[in-house]
Amino acid sequence: MGFFDKLKEGLEKTRTNIANGLDSVFGDYSQVDDDFFDDLEEMLIMADVGVNASDKIVSEMKSRIREEHLKDRDEVKNALIKTLSDAMKRAGDTDETFDLGEQKTVILVIGVNGVGKTTSIGKLAMSFKENGKKVILAAADTFRAGAKEQLEVWAERTGCDLIGHEEGSDPAAVVYDAVSAFESKDADILICDTAGRLHNKKNLMDELAKINRIFEKKLPDVRKEVLLVLDATTGQNALSQVREFKQVCEPTGIILTKMDGSAKGGIVIAIANEFDIPVKYIGVGEHADDLQKFDPEEFIRAIFY
């Protein structure tokens, strides 16, 4: 199965949900009136686009219909798809350098437990390895039972070196040793797992601050990314997690996991509307190659065409 086919299959639930929503909005179409816009806004909210983003899209639709003098059903429907497409494009990553090239990079992966954080790290590692990169993994989530062992499975599967300490040890000490290994082995990419203890933000903030000080002191010229992992099936709760983590650190990108299990792919639009953080990867299946770089154009095509 090709890249686009896998993406389309992985987004089938979202595709069906939005297609059904469009059919519902245009099912009794007679004219563009208040009832039409109420139905449209309800459809967007049901697709987890979010109240604020839905209101913005409806306002954009009203302007587009008025300015382009649209009345024909197909013209209005195409205008809606174009408006949604524009909203999804705002969620994309305009930073082409995240293809990494020859630039050494440290990736700090954050997120609450259960969102697929460690699995995402493993899938990232496999992708980078397949592109000829030398990758080191750091098991710095030392508080969750079994976190190191889970990452060890991925290290063996991908052939990456793993740096880890005993459960309950200082996460910053793990990162320090991982940075030393990164330097001594002349690796290309260091990926660090972290604890997702949002219930104790002060501890997490202190922990991440210590880790960042290590990066700044030992790797001042190395590119740094902070990727926040979110579970797409949690819908609007994912937005709450973004707000919480932004109080602790500043994510540079988002990984949306379990998109294949969610009918609410509109969360991509909600994230773009509320936060200036690009979606960099989406998970559309269980296999290692099902974590794909988020391409707004391909995402749109997989849903609407």
Protein backbone atom coordinates (compact mmCIF):
# COMPACT_ATOMS: atom_id res chain seq x y z
CA MET A 1 0.00 0.00 0.00
CA GLY A 2 1.38 3.41 -0.99
CA PHE A 3 1.91 6.39 1.30
CA PHE A 4 -1.29 8.18 0.28
CA ASP A 5 -3.42 5.01 0.39
CA LYS A 6 -2.24 4.29 3.92
CA LEU A 7 -3.01 7.86 4.93
CA LYS A 8 -6.47 7.67 3.39
CA GLU A 9 -7.19 4.34 5.10
CA GLY A 10 -5.93 5.67 8.43
CA LEU A 11 -8.20 8.70 8.19
CA GLU A 12 -11.27 6.70 7.12
CA LYS A 13 -13.25 7.44 10.30
CA THR A 14 -12.58 11.17 10.02
CA ARG A 15 -13.31 11.06 6.29
CA THR A 16 -16.66 9.32 6.87
CA ASN A 17 -17.59 11.64 9.71
CA ILE A 18 -16.91 14.79 7.73
CA ALA A 19 -18.50 13.37 4.55
CA ASN A 20 -21.65 12.49 6.50
CA GLY A 21 -21.59 15.96 8.03
CA LEU A 22 -21.38 17.60 4.63
CA ASP A 23 -24.24 15.41 3.36
CA SER A 24 -26.30 16.47 6.36
CA VAL A 25 -25.60 20.18 5.87
CA PHE A 26 -26.37 20.06 2.16
CA GLY A 27 -29.12 17.43 2.35
CA ASP A 28 -31.95 19.92 2.63
CA TYR A 29 -30.08 22.70 0.87
CA SER A 30 -32.37 25.33 -0.57
CA GLN A 31 -30.61 28.59 0.23
CA VAL A 32 -27.79 30.01 2.29
CA ASP A 33 -29.62 31.29 5.34
CA ASP A 34 -29.25 31.27 9.11
CA ASP A 35 -30.40 27.64 9.32
CA PHE A 36 -27.69 26.62 6.85
CA PHE A 37 -24.97 28.31 8.88
CA ASP A 38 -26.32 26.84 12.14
CA ASP A 39 -26.16 23.34 10.60
CA LEU A 40 -22.66 24.04 9.31
CA GLU A 41 -21.38 25.17 12.69
CA GLU A 42 -22.93 22.13 14.38
CA MET A 43 -21.24 19.82 11.86
CA LEU A 44 -17.86 21.40 12.49
CA ILE A 45 -18.23 21.13 16.26
CA MET A 46 -19.21 17.45 15.93
CA ALA A 47 -15.99 16.91 13.92
CA ASP A 48 -14.10 18.37 16.91
CA VAL A 49 -13.04 21.50 15.08
CA GLY A 50 -13.87 23.35 18.28
CA VAL A 51 -16.28 26.17 19.05
CA ASN A 52 -13.85 29.04 18.43
CA ALA A 53 -12.46 27.60 15.18
CA SER A 54 -15.97 26.66 13.98
CA ASP A 55 -17.18 30.21 14.56
CA LYS A 56 -14.17 31.54 12.63
CA ILE A 57 -14.76 29.15 9.70
CA VAL A 58 -18.46 30.06 9.50
CA SER A 59 -17.51 33.77 9.44
CA GLU A 60 -15.02 33.07 6.64
CA MET A 61 -17.70 31.14 4.75
CA LYS A 62 -20.16 34.01 5.04
CA SER A 63 -17.56 36.43 3.65
CA ARG A 64 -16.59 34.07 0.82
CA ILE A 65 -20.21 33.47 -0.21
CA ARG A 66 -20.98 37.19 -0.12
CA GLU A 67 -17.84 38.31 -1.97
CA GLU A 68 -18.05 35.59 -4.65
CA HIS A 69 -21.86 35.82 -4.96
CA LEU A 70 -22.24 32.07 -4.52
CA LYS A 71 -25.69 30.48 -4.72
CA ASP A 72 -25.26 27.19 -6.53
CA ARG A 73 -25.11 24.17 -4.19
CA ASP A 74 -21.87 22.80 -5.65
CA GLU A 75 -20.21 26.21 -5.58
CA VAL A 76 -21.08 26.65 -1.91
CA LYS A 77 -19.91 23.12 -1.09
CA ASN A 78 -16.60 23.68 -2.88
CA ALA A 79 -16.19 26.99 -1.04
CA LEU A 80 -16.69 25.17 2.26
CA ILE A 81 -14.05 22.57 1.37
CA LYS A 82 -11.67 25.37 0.36
CA THR A 83 -12.28 27.18 3.66
CA LEU A 84 -11.67 23.99 5.65
CA SER A 85 -8.57 23.30 3.57
CA ASP A 86 -7.18 26.76 4.31
CA ALA A 87 -7.77 26.16 8.03
CA MET A 88 -5.95 22.82 7.91
CA LYS A 89 -3.00 24.34 6.05
CA ARG A 90 -2.51 26.72 8.97
CA ALA A 91 -1.84 23.64 11.12
CA GLY A 92 1.09 22.53 8.97
CA ASP A 93 4.78 22.85 9.61
CA THR A 94 6.39 25.49 7.42
CA ASP A 95 9.83 24.62 8.80
CA GLU A 96 11.35 22.52 6.04
CA THR A 97 14.51 21.99 8.10
CA PHE A 98 12.73 19.41 10.23
CA ASP A 99 13.67 17.01 7.48
CA LEU A 100 16.90 17.33 9.50
CA GLY A 101 19.36 16.88 6.63
CA GLU A 102 22.83 16.81 8.16
CA GLN A 103 21.91 18.90 11.20
CA LYS A 104 22.42 17.26 14.57
CA THR A 105 19.22 17.37 16.61
CA VAL A 106 18.00 16.75 20.15
CA ILE A 107 14.30 15.89 20.46
CA LEU A 108 12.60 16.13 23.84
CA VAL A 109 9.28 14.24 23.77
CA ILE A 110 6.61 15.28 26.27
CA GLY A 111 3.00 14.24 26.92
CA VAL A 112 0.80 12.63 29.54
CA ASN A 113 0.92 8.88 30.10
CA GLY A 114 -1.18 6.81 27.74
CA VAL A 115 -1.06 9.03 24.66
CA GLY A 116 1.46 6.85 22.82
CA LYS A 117 4.57 8.82 23.73
CA THR A 118 7.06 5.95 23.94
CA THR A 119 5.65 4.25 20.86
CA SER A 120 5.97 7.52 18.94
CA ILE A 121 9.60 7.76 20.01
CA GLY A 122 10.22 4.25 18.69
CA LYS A 123 8.55 5.04 15.38
CA LEU A 124 10.53 8.27 15.03
CA ALA A 125 13.73 6.39 15.75
CA MET A 126 12.94 3.80 13.10
CA SER A 127 12.17 6.49 10.53
CA PHE A 128 15.43 8.33 11.23
CA LYS A 129 17.45 5.09 11.18
CA GLU A 130 15.97 4.16 7.80
CA ASN A 131 17.21 7.53 6.56
CA GLY A 132 20.76 6.68 7.64
CA LYS A 133 20.82 8.59 10.92
CA LYS A 134 22.64 7.43 14.04
CA VAL A 135 20.09 7.66 16.86
CA ILE A 136 20.40 7.45 20.64
CA LEU A 137 17.39 7.03 22.93
CA ALA A 138 17.25 8.34 26.50
CA ALA A 139 14.83 6.70 28.96
CA ALA A 140 14.31 9.80 31.10
CA ASP A 141 10.78 8.84 32.21
CA THR A 142 12.15 7.23 35.34
CA PHE A 143 8.93 7.45 37.36
CA ARG A 144 6.53 5.33 35.29
CA ALA A 145 6.90 1.63 35.97
CA GLY A 146 8.05 -0.22 32.87
CA ALA A 147 8.83 2.91 30.84
CA LYS A 148 12.50 1.99 30.39
CA GLU A 149 11.64 -1.61 29.46
CA GLN A 150 9.12 -0.40 26.88
CA LEU A 151 11.76 1.82 25.30
CA GLU A 152 14.29 -1.04 25.39
CA VAL A 153 12.01 -3.03 23.07
CA TRP A 154 12.11 -0.22 20.54
CA ALA A 155 15.88 0.21 20.95
CA GLU A 156 16.39 -3.45 20.08
CA ARG A 157 13.92 -3.29 17.21
CA THR A 158 15.53 -0.22 15.68
CA GLY A 159 19.16 -0.96 16.54
CA CYS A 160 19.52 2.26 18.54
CA ASP A 161 21.65 2.72 21.66
CA LEU A 162 19.58 3.24 24.82
CA ILE A 163 20.74 5.21 27.83
CA GLY A 164 18.78 4.59 31.04
CA HIS A 165 19.09 4.33 34.82
CA GLU A 166 17.13 2.53 37.50
CA GLU A 167 13.47 3.32 38.09
CA GLY A 168 13.06 6.39 40.32
CA SER A 169 16.47 7.86 39.50
CA ASP A 170 17.06 11.49 38.49
CA PRO A 171 15.83 12.07 34.90
CA ALA A 172 18.41 14.83 34.41
CA ALA A 173 21.19 12.35 35.21
CA VAL A 174 19.88 10.06 32.47
CA VAL A 175 19.88 12.95 30.00
CA TYR A 176 23.39 13.98 31.06
CA ASP A 177 24.70 10.50 30.31
CA ALA A 178 22.73 10.38 27.06
CA VAL A 179 24.23 13.70 25.94
CA SER A 180 27.71 12.36 26.75
CA ALA A 181 26.99 9.28 24.62
CA PHE A 182 25.58 11.49 21.87
CA GLU A 183 28.87 13.40 21.77
CA SER A 184 31.25 10.47 22.14
CA LYS A 185 29.49 8.34 19.53
CA ASP A 186 29.07 11.30 17.14
CA ALA A 187 25.36 10.51 16.82
CA ASP A 188 22.96 12.51 14.66
CA ILE A 189 19.81 12.48 16.77
CA LEU A 190 19.11 12.15 20.48
CA ILE A 191 15.49 11.42 21.45
CA CYS A 192 14.59 11.82 25.13
CA ASP A 193 11.50 10.32 26.73
CA THR A 194 10.14 12.32 29.68
CA ALA A 195 7.64 11.89 32.50
CA GLY A 196 4.10 13.12 31.89
CA ARG A 197 3.20 14.12 35.42
CA LEU A 198 0.97 17.10 34.78
CA HIS A 199 -0.70 16.63 38.17
CA ASN A 200 2.52 18.00 39.65
CA LYS A 201 3.46 20.79 37.28
CA LYS A 202 6.06 22.30 39.62
CA ASN A 203 8.10 19.08 39.68
CA LEU A 204 7.76 18.62 35.93
CA MET A 205 8.73 22.24 35.27
CA ASP A 206 11.84 21.88 37.47
CA GLU A 207 12.72 18.60 35.80
CA LEU A 208 12.46 20.00 32.26
CA ALA A 209 14.39 23.12 33.29
CA LYS A 210 17.27 20.95 34.54
CA ILE A 211 17.23 18.96 31.30
CA ASN A 212 17.26 22.16 29.22
CA ARG A 213 20.22 23.51 31.21
CA ILE A 214 22.15 20.35 30.30
CA PHE A 215 21.35 20.86 26.62
CA GLU A 216 22.33 24.54 26.76
CA LYS A 217 25.62 23.82 28.53
CA LYS A 218 26.76 20.72 26.64
CA LEU A 219 25.04 21.11 23.25
CA PRO A 220 24.67 24.87 22.67
CA ASP A 221 24.87 24.61 18.88
CA VAL A 222 22.66 21.55 18.38
CA ARG A 223 19.14 21.97 17.03
CA LYS A 224 16.48 21.31 19.71
CA GLU A 225 12.87 20.23 19.29
CA VAL A 226 10.19 19.76 21.95
CA LEU A 227 7.45 17.51 20.57
CA LEU A 228 4.16 17.26 22.48
CA VAL A 229 2.32 13.97 21.93
CA LEU A 230 -1.50 14.12 21.97
CA ASP A 231 -4.09 11.36 21.58
CA ALA A 232 -6.51 12.40 18.81
CA THR A 233 -9.29 10.23 20.25
CA THR A 234 -9.49 12.51 23.31
CA GLY A 235 -10.78 15.35 21.13
CA GLN A 236 -11.08 18.70 22.86
CA ASN A 237 -9.28 17.34 25.93
CA ALA A 238 -6.13 17.42 23.80
CA LEU A 239 -6.43 21.22 23.69
CA SER A 240 -6.49 21.31 27.48
CA GLN A 241 -3.26 19.31 27.53
CA VAL A 242 -1.61 21.79 25.18
CA ARG A 243 -2.59 24.65 27.49
CA GLU A 244 -1.24 22.78 30.53
CA PHE A 245 2.08 21.88 28.92
CA LYS A 246 2.56 25.40 27.59
CA GLN A 247 2.69 26.50 31.23
CA VAL A 248 5.59 24.11 31.77
CA CYS A 249 7.55 24.50 28.52
CA GLU A 250 7.12 25.71 24.94
CA PRO A 251 6.48 22.87 22.46
CA THR A 252 7.92 23.36 18.97
CA GLY A 253 5.64 20.77 17.40
CA ILE A 254 2.84 18.28 18.00
CA ILE A 255 2.47 14.58 17.31
CA LEU A 256 -1.17 13.51 16.99
CA THR A 257 -1.47 9.77 17.65
CA LYS A 258 -4.35 7.33 17.06
CA MET A 259 -5.86 9.31 14.19
CA ASP A 260 -6.97 5.98 12.73
CA GLY A 261 -9.09 5.38 15.84
CA SER A 262 -10.72 8.81 15.79
CA ALA A 263 -13.55 10.25 13.73
CA LYS A 264 -12.55 13.71 14.94
CA GLY A 265 -9.64 14.68 12.71
CA GLY A 266 -10.94 18.23 12.89
CA ILE A 267 -8.83 18.54 16.04
CA VAL A 268 -6.03 19.52 13.64
CA ILE A 269 -7.96 22.71 12.82
CA ALA A 270 -8.75 23.38 16.48
CA ILE A 271 -5.04 23.19 17.38
CA ALA A 272 -4.07 25.52 14.53
CA ASN A 273 -6.74 28.03 15.53
CA GLU A 274 -5.83 28.19 19.22
CA PHE A 275 -2.06 27.70 19.27
CA ASP A 276 0.87 28.71 17.12
CA ILE A 277 2.30 25.18 17.26
CA PRO A 278 2.54 23.13 14.06
CA VAL A 279 1.36 19.54 13.84
CA LYS A 280 4.51 17.73 12.69
CA TYR A 281 3.46 14.07 12.75
CA ILE A 282 0.22 12.08 12.78
CA GLY A 283 -0.22 8.42 13.70
CA VAL A 284 -2.56 6.57 11.34
CA GLY A 285 -1.97 2.94 12.35
CA GLU A 286 -0.15 0.44 14.52
CA HIS A 287 2.86 -0.27 12.30
CA ALA A 288 6.18 1.51 12.66
CA ASP A 289 5.78 3.34 9.35
CA ASP A 290 2.29 4.57 10.24
CA LEU A 291 3.67 7.64 11.99
CA GLN A 292 3.74 10.06 9.09
CA LYS A 293 4.89 13.64 8.67
CA PHE A 294 1.82 15.84 8.63
CA ASP A 295 1.32 17.20 5.14
CA PRO A 296 -1.75 19.49 5.04
CA GLU A 297 -2.21 19.03 1.28
CA GLU A 298 -2.18 15.23 1.53
CA PHE A 299 -4.37 15.33 4.65
CA ILE A 300 -6.96 17.44 2.83
CA ARG A 301 -6.88 15.20 -0.24
CA ALA A 302 -7.30 12.08 1.92
CA ILE A 303 -10.40 13.51 3.58
CA PHE A 304 -12.20 15.35 0.80
CA TYR A 305 -11.19 13.70 -2.46
